[in-house]
Amino acid sequence: MNRVKVEGSRNIREAGWAATSLGEDGEKVFGTMEVLFANGQIYRYRLVPFETWHNFMNSPSKGSFLAKEIMPLWNASPQVWRVVICEKCGHLNETKVTS
């Protein structure tokens, strides 16, 4: 999934959304939303409507929107990822965090 840099947020570094299904009306699009936090953890939220993603990206406070509008309604995937930035090349290395 491609993520975009989130400007102006202390806690959210990047966010992305990818379509996964159409609604019953054939028009409402649902997808997986991915959030990379400043601590390096990635959370995936499944079946998030495109409209919610759009509202998140246009919100003046991404962290507040996520906490109030997304987290209570969509549980994050149990797969949590940690991102480590390579000091030599700057590449993001994602690894699954084991419980």
N, C-alpha and C. Protein backbone atom coordinates (compact mmCIF):
# COMPACT_ATOMS: atom_id res chain seq x y z
N MET A 1 0.85 -1.18 0.00
CA MET A 1 0.00 0.00 0.00
C MET A 1 0.89 1.24 0.00
N ASN A 2 0.53 2.19 -0.81
CA ASN A 2 1.24 3.46 -0.82
C ASN A 2 0.68 4.35 0.27
N ARG A 3 1.57 4.93 1.03
CA ARG A 3 1.17 5.89 2.06
C ARG A 3 1.69 7.26 1.68
N VAL A 4 1.02 8.29 2.18
CA VAL A 4 1.46 9.66 1.95
C VAL A 4 1.87 10.25 3.28
N LYS A 5 2.82 11.16 3.22
CA LYS A 5 3.29 11.83 4.42
C LYS A 5 2.18 12.71 4.97
N VAL A 6 2.00 12.64 6.28
CA VAL A 6 0.98 13.46 6.96
C VAL A 6 1.70 14.65 7.59
N GLU A 7 1.38 15.82 7.10
CA GLU A 7 2.00 17.05 7.60
C GLU A 7 1.27 17.55 8.84
N GLY A 8 2.01 18.13 9.76
CA GLY A 8 1.42 18.80 10.91
C GLY A 8 0.93 17.90 12.02
N SER A 9 1.31 16.63 12.03
CA SER A 9 0.90 15.72 13.10
C SER A 9 2.13 15.23 13.84
N ARG A 10 2.07 15.29 15.15
CA ARG A 10 3.20 14.80 15.96
C ARG A 10 3.19 13.28 16.05
N ASN A 11 2.01 12.67 15.99
CA ASN A 11 1.89 11.23 16.22
C ASN A 11 1.75 10.39 14.97
N ILE A 12 1.27 10.97 13.89
CA ILE A 12 1.06 10.22 12.66
C ILE A 12 2.06 10.68 11.61
N ARG A 13 2.87 9.75 11.13
CA ARG A 13 3.89 10.07 10.14
C ARG A 13 3.36 9.94 8.71
N GLU A 14 2.66 8.84 8.43
CA GLU A 14 2.13 8.57 7.10
C GLU A 14 0.78 7.87 7.21
N ALA A 15 -0.01 7.96 6.13
CA ALA A 15 -1.29 7.25 6.08
C ALA A 15 -1.59 6.88 4.64
N GLY A 16 -2.31 5.78 4.47
CA GLY A 16 -2.69 5.33 3.14
C GLY A 16 -4.03 4.62 3.18
N TRP A 17 -4.61 4.48 2.00
CA TRP A 17 -5.91 3.80 1.86
C TRP A 17 -5.93 3.09 0.53
N ALA A 18 -6.40 1.86 0.50
CA ALA A 18 -6.51 1.09 -0.74
C ALA A 18 -7.88 0.42 -0.79
N ALA A 19 -8.58 0.59 -1.92
CA ALA A 19 -9.91 0.01 -2.09
C ALA A 19 -9.85 -1.50 -2.04
N THR A 20 -10.84 -2.09 -1.35
CA THR A 20 -10.90 -3.55 -1.26
C THR A 20 -12.24 -4.11 -1.68
N SER A 21 -13.31 -3.30 -1.62
CA SER A 21 -14.64 -3.82 -2.00
C SER A 21 -15.62 -2.69 -2.26
N LEU A 22 -16.69 -3.05 -2.96
CA LEU A 22 -17.79 -2.12 -3.21
C LEU A 22 -18.91 -2.42 -2.23
N GLY A 23 -19.67 -1.41 -1.89
CA GLY A 23 -20.83 -1.60 -1.05
C GLY A 23 -21.94 -2.29 -1.81
N GLU A 24 -23.01 -2.64 -1.12
CA GLU A 24 -24.14 -3.32 -1.73
C GLU A 24 -24.80 -2.48 -2.82
N ASP A 25 -24.69 -1.17 -2.69
CA ASP A 25 -25.28 -0.30 -3.71
C ASP A 25 -24.38 -0.17 -4.95
N GLY A 26 -23.22 -0.78 -4.87
CA GLY A 26 -22.29 -0.74 -6.01
C GLY A 26 -21.54 0.56 -6.13
N GLU A 27 -21.80 1.48 -5.24
CA GLU A 27 -21.17 2.78 -5.34
C GLU A 27 -20.24 3.09 -4.17
N LYS A 28 -20.64 2.75 -2.96
CA LYS A 28 -19.83 3.07 -1.80
C LYS A 28 -18.61 2.14 -1.78
N VAL A 29 -17.45 2.74 -1.77
CA VAL A 29 -16.21 1.97 -1.82
C VAL A 29 -15.61 1.86 -0.42
N PHE A 30 -15.20 0.64 -0.09
CA PHE A 30 -14.55 0.38 1.19
C PHE A 30 -13.10 0.01 0.94
N GLY A 31 -12.26 0.21 1.95
CA GLY A 31 -10.86 -0.13 1.77
C GLY A 31 -10.15 -0.34 3.09
N THR A 32 -8.88 -0.64 2.98
CA THR A 32 -8.02 -0.78 4.14
C THR A 32 -7.25 0.51 4.32
N MET A 33 -7.30 1.03 5.51
CA MET A 33 -6.57 2.24 5.86
C MET A 33 -5.37 1.85 6.70
N GLU A 34 -4.23 2.40 6.35
CA GLU A 34 -3.00 2.08 7.05
C GLU A 34 -2.40 3.36 7.61
N VAL A 35 -2.01 3.30 8.89
CA VAL A 35 -1.45 4.48 9.55
C VAL A 35 -0.09 4.10 10.13
N LEU A 36 0.92 4.90 9.76
CA LEU A 36 2.27 4.75 10.32
C LEU A 36 2.43 5.83 11.38
N PHE A 37 2.59 5.39 12.62
CA PHE A 37 2.73 6.32 13.73
C PHE A 37 4.20 6.73 13.90
N ALA A 38 4.42 7.81 14.61
CA ALA A 38 5.76 8.33 14.82
C ALA A 38 6.65 7.34 15.58
N ASN A 39 6.04 6.46 16.36
CA ASN A 39 6.82 5.46 17.10
C ASN A 39 7.23 4.27 16.23
N GLY A 40 6.84 4.29 14.94
CA GLY A 40 7.24 3.24 14.02
C GLY A 40 6.22 2.12 13.86
N GLN A 41 5.13 2.14 14.61
CA GLN A 41 4.13 1.09 14.47
C GLN A 41 3.14 1.43 13.37
N ILE A 42 2.72 0.38 12.64
CA ILE A 42 1.73 0.52 11.58
C ILE A 42 0.47 -0.22 12.02
N TYR A 43 -0.65 0.47 11.91
CA TYR A 43 -1.94 -0.15 12.19
C TYR A 43 -2.76 -0.16 10.92
N ARG A 44 -3.48 -1.25 10.70
CA ARG A 44 -4.35 -1.38 9.53
C ARG A 44 -5.80 -1.48 9.99
N TYR A 45 -6.63 -0.64 9.41
CA TYR A 45 -8.06 -0.60 9.70
C TYR A 45 -8.79 -1.09 8.46
N ARG A 46 -9.60 -2.12 8.59
CA ARG A 46 -10.27 -2.75 7.46
C ARG A 46 -11.68 -2.20 7.24
N LEU A 47 -12.12 -2.21 5.98
CA LEU A 47 -13.47 -1.81 5.57
C LEU A 47 -13.81 -0.37 5.96
N VAL A 48 -12.85 0.51 5.81
CA VAL A 48 -13.07 1.93 6.05
C VAL A 48 -13.61 2.55 4.76
N PRO A 49 -14.76 3.22 4.81
CA PRO A 49 -15.30 3.84 3.60
C PRO A 49 -14.36 4.92 3.06
N PHE A 50 -14.36 5.09 1.74
CA PHE A 50 -13.54 6.12 1.12
C PHE A 50 -13.88 7.49 1.69
N GLU A 51 -15.15 7.75 1.93
CA GLU A 51 -15.57 9.04 2.47
C GLU A 51 -14.89 9.34 3.82
N THR A 52 -14.75 8.32 4.66
CA THR A 52 -14.08 8.49 5.95
C THR A 52 -12.61 8.79 5.74
N TRP A 53 -11.97 8.07 4.81
CA TRP A 53 -10.57 8.33 4.47
C TRP A 53 -10.41 9.77 3.98
N HIS A 54 -11.28 10.19 3.11
CA HIS A 54 -11.24 11.54 2.55
C HIS A 54 -11.37 12.58 3.68
N ASN A 55 -12.32 12.35 4.57
CA ASN A 55 -12.52 13.27 5.69
C ASN A 55 -11.31 13.30 6.62
N PHE A 56 -10.69 12.14 6.84
CA PHE A 56 -9.48 12.06 7.65
C PHE A 56 -8.37 12.91 7.04
N MET A 57 -8.14 12.72 5.76
CA MET A 57 -7.05 13.45 5.09
C MET A 57 -7.31 14.95 5.04
N ASN A 58 -8.56 15.38 5.06
CA ASN A 58 -8.89 16.80 5.03
C ASN A 58 -9.12 17.40 6.42
N SER A 59 -8.97 16.58 7.44
CA SER A 59 -9.17 17.06 8.81
C SER A 59 -7.99 17.91 9.26
N PRO A 60 -8.26 19.00 9.99
CA PRO A 60 -7.15 19.82 10.49
C PRO A 60 -6.32 19.10 11.55
N SER A 61 -6.91 18.12 12.24
CA SER A 61 -6.18 17.34 13.23
C SER A 61 -6.37 15.86 12.93
N LYS A 62 -5.38 15.26 12.29
CA LYS A 62 -5.47 13.84 11.91
C LYS A 62 -5.58 12.94 13.14
N GLY A 63 -4.79 13.25 14.18
CA GLY A 63 -4.82 12.43 15.39
C GLY A 63 -6.17 12.44 16.08
N SER A 64 -6.78 13.63 16.17
CA SER A 64 -8.10 13.73 16.80
C SER A 64 -9.16 13.01 15.97
N PHE A 65 -9.09 13.18 14.64
CA PHE A 65 -10.06 12.51 13.77
C PHE A 65 -9.92 11.00 13.90
N LEU A 66 -8.69 10.50 13.89
CA LEU A 66 -8.46 9.07 14.02
C LEU A 66 -9.02 8.55 15.34
N ALA A 67 -8.75 9.27 16.43
CA ALA A 67 -9.20 8.84 17.76
C ALA A 67 -10.71 8.89 17.91
N LYS A 68 -11.37 9.87 17.30
CA LYS A 68 -12.81 10.05 17.49
C LYS A 68 -13.66 9.35 16.44
N GLU A 69 -13.20 9.30 15.20
CA GLU A 69 -14.03 8.83 14.10
C GLU A 69 -13.66 7.46 13.55
N ILE A 70 -12.43 7.01 13.77
CA ILE A 70 -11.99 5.75 13.17
C ILE A 70 -11.75 4.68 14.22
N MET A 71 -10.96 4.96 15.23
CA MET A 71 -10.64 3.95 16.24
C MET A 71 -11.87 3.36 16.93
N PRO A 72 -12.89 4.16 17.29
CA PRO A 72 -14.05 3.56 17.96
C PRO A 72 -14.89 2.66 17.05
N LEU A 73 -14.82 2.87 15.74
CA LEU A 73 -15.68 2.13 14.81
C LEU A 73 -14.98 0.98 14.10
N TRP A 74 -13.68 1.11 13.87
CA TRP A 74 -12.93 0.07 13.15
C TRP A 74 -11.76 -0.35 14.00
N ASN A 75 -11.76 -1.61 14.39
CA ASN A 75 -10.63 -2.12 15.16
C ASN A 75 -9.43 -2.29 14.25
N ALA A 76 -8.29 -1.96 14.77
CA ALA A 76 -7.06 -2.15 14.00
C ALA A 76 -6.81 -3.63 13.83
N SER A 77 -6.20 -3.97 12.72
CA SER A 77 -5.82 -5.35 12.48
C SER A 77 -4.88 -5.79 13.59
N PRO A 78 -4.97 -7.06 14.02
CA PRO A 78 -4.05 -7.53 15.06
C PRO A 78 -2.61 -7.57 14.59
N GLN A 79 -2.41 -7.47 13.30
CA GLN A 79 -1.04 -7.45 12.79
C GLN A 79 -0.49 -6.04 12.95
N VAL A 80 0.44 -5.89 13.85
CA VAL A 80 1.07 -4.60 14.08
C VAL A 80 2.49 -4.69 13.54
N TRP A 81 2.86 -3.67 12.80
CA TRP A 81 4.17 -3.65 12.16
C TRP A 81 5.02 -2.55 12.76
N ARG A 82 6.31 -2.77 12.82
CA ARG A 82 7.24 -1.75 13.27
C ARG A 82 8.11 -1.36 12.08
N VAL A 83 8.31 -0.07 11.95
CA VAL A 83 9.12 0.46 10.86
C VAL A 83 10.41 0.98 11.45
N VAL A 84 11.51 0.54 10.87
CA VAL A 84 12.83 1.03 11.27
C VAL A 84 13.46 1.65 10.04
N ILE A 85 13.98 2.85 10.21
CA ILE A 85 14.63 3.55 9.10
C ILE A 85 16.11 3.19 9.10
N CYS A 86 16.58 2.67 7.97
CA CYS A 86 17.98 2.30 7.82
C CYS A 86 18.84 3.56 7.90
N GLU A 87 19.82 3.56 8.79
CA GLU A 87 20.67 4.74 8.97
C GLU A 87 21.57 4.98 7.76
N LYS A 88 21.91 3.92 7.03
CA LYS A 88 22.81 4.07 5.88
C LYS A 88 22.12 4.63 4.66
N CYS A 89 20.93 4.08 4.33
CA CYS A 89 20.28 4.46 3.08
C CYS A 89 18.95 5.18 3.26
N GLY A 90 18.40 5.21 4.47
CA GLY A 90 17.13 5.88 4.72
C GLY A 90 15.91 5.06 4.34
N HIS A 91 16.09 3.81 3.90
CA HIS A 91 14.99 2.93 3.50
C HIS A 91 14.17 2.53 4.72
N LEU A 92 12.84 2.45 4.53
CA LEU A 92 11.96 1.99 5.60
C LEU A 92 11.88 0.46 5.58
N ASN A 93 12.24 -0.17 6.66
CA ASN A 93 12.16 -1.62 6.78
C ASN A 93 11.01 -1.95 7.71
N GLU A 94 10.01 -2.66 7.19
CA GLU A 94 8.83 -3.02 7.96
C GLU A 94 8.93 -4.47 8.42
N THR A 95 8.71 -4.68 9.70
CA THR A 95 8.72 -6.04 10.24
C THR A 95 7.50 -6.23 11.13
N LYS A 96 6.92 -7.42 11.08
CA LYS A 96 5.76 -7.73 11.91
C LYS A 96 6.19 -7.88 13.36
N VAL A 97 5.43 -7.25 14.26
CA VAL A 97 5.71 -7.36 15.68
C VAL A 97 5.02 -8.60 16.18
N THR A 98 5.76 -9.48 16.82
CA THR A 98 5.17 -10.71 17.35
C THR A 98 4.67 -10.44 18.76
N SER A 99 3.59 -11.12 19.11
CA SER A 99 3.00 -10.89 20.43
C SER A 99 3.62 -11.81 21.46
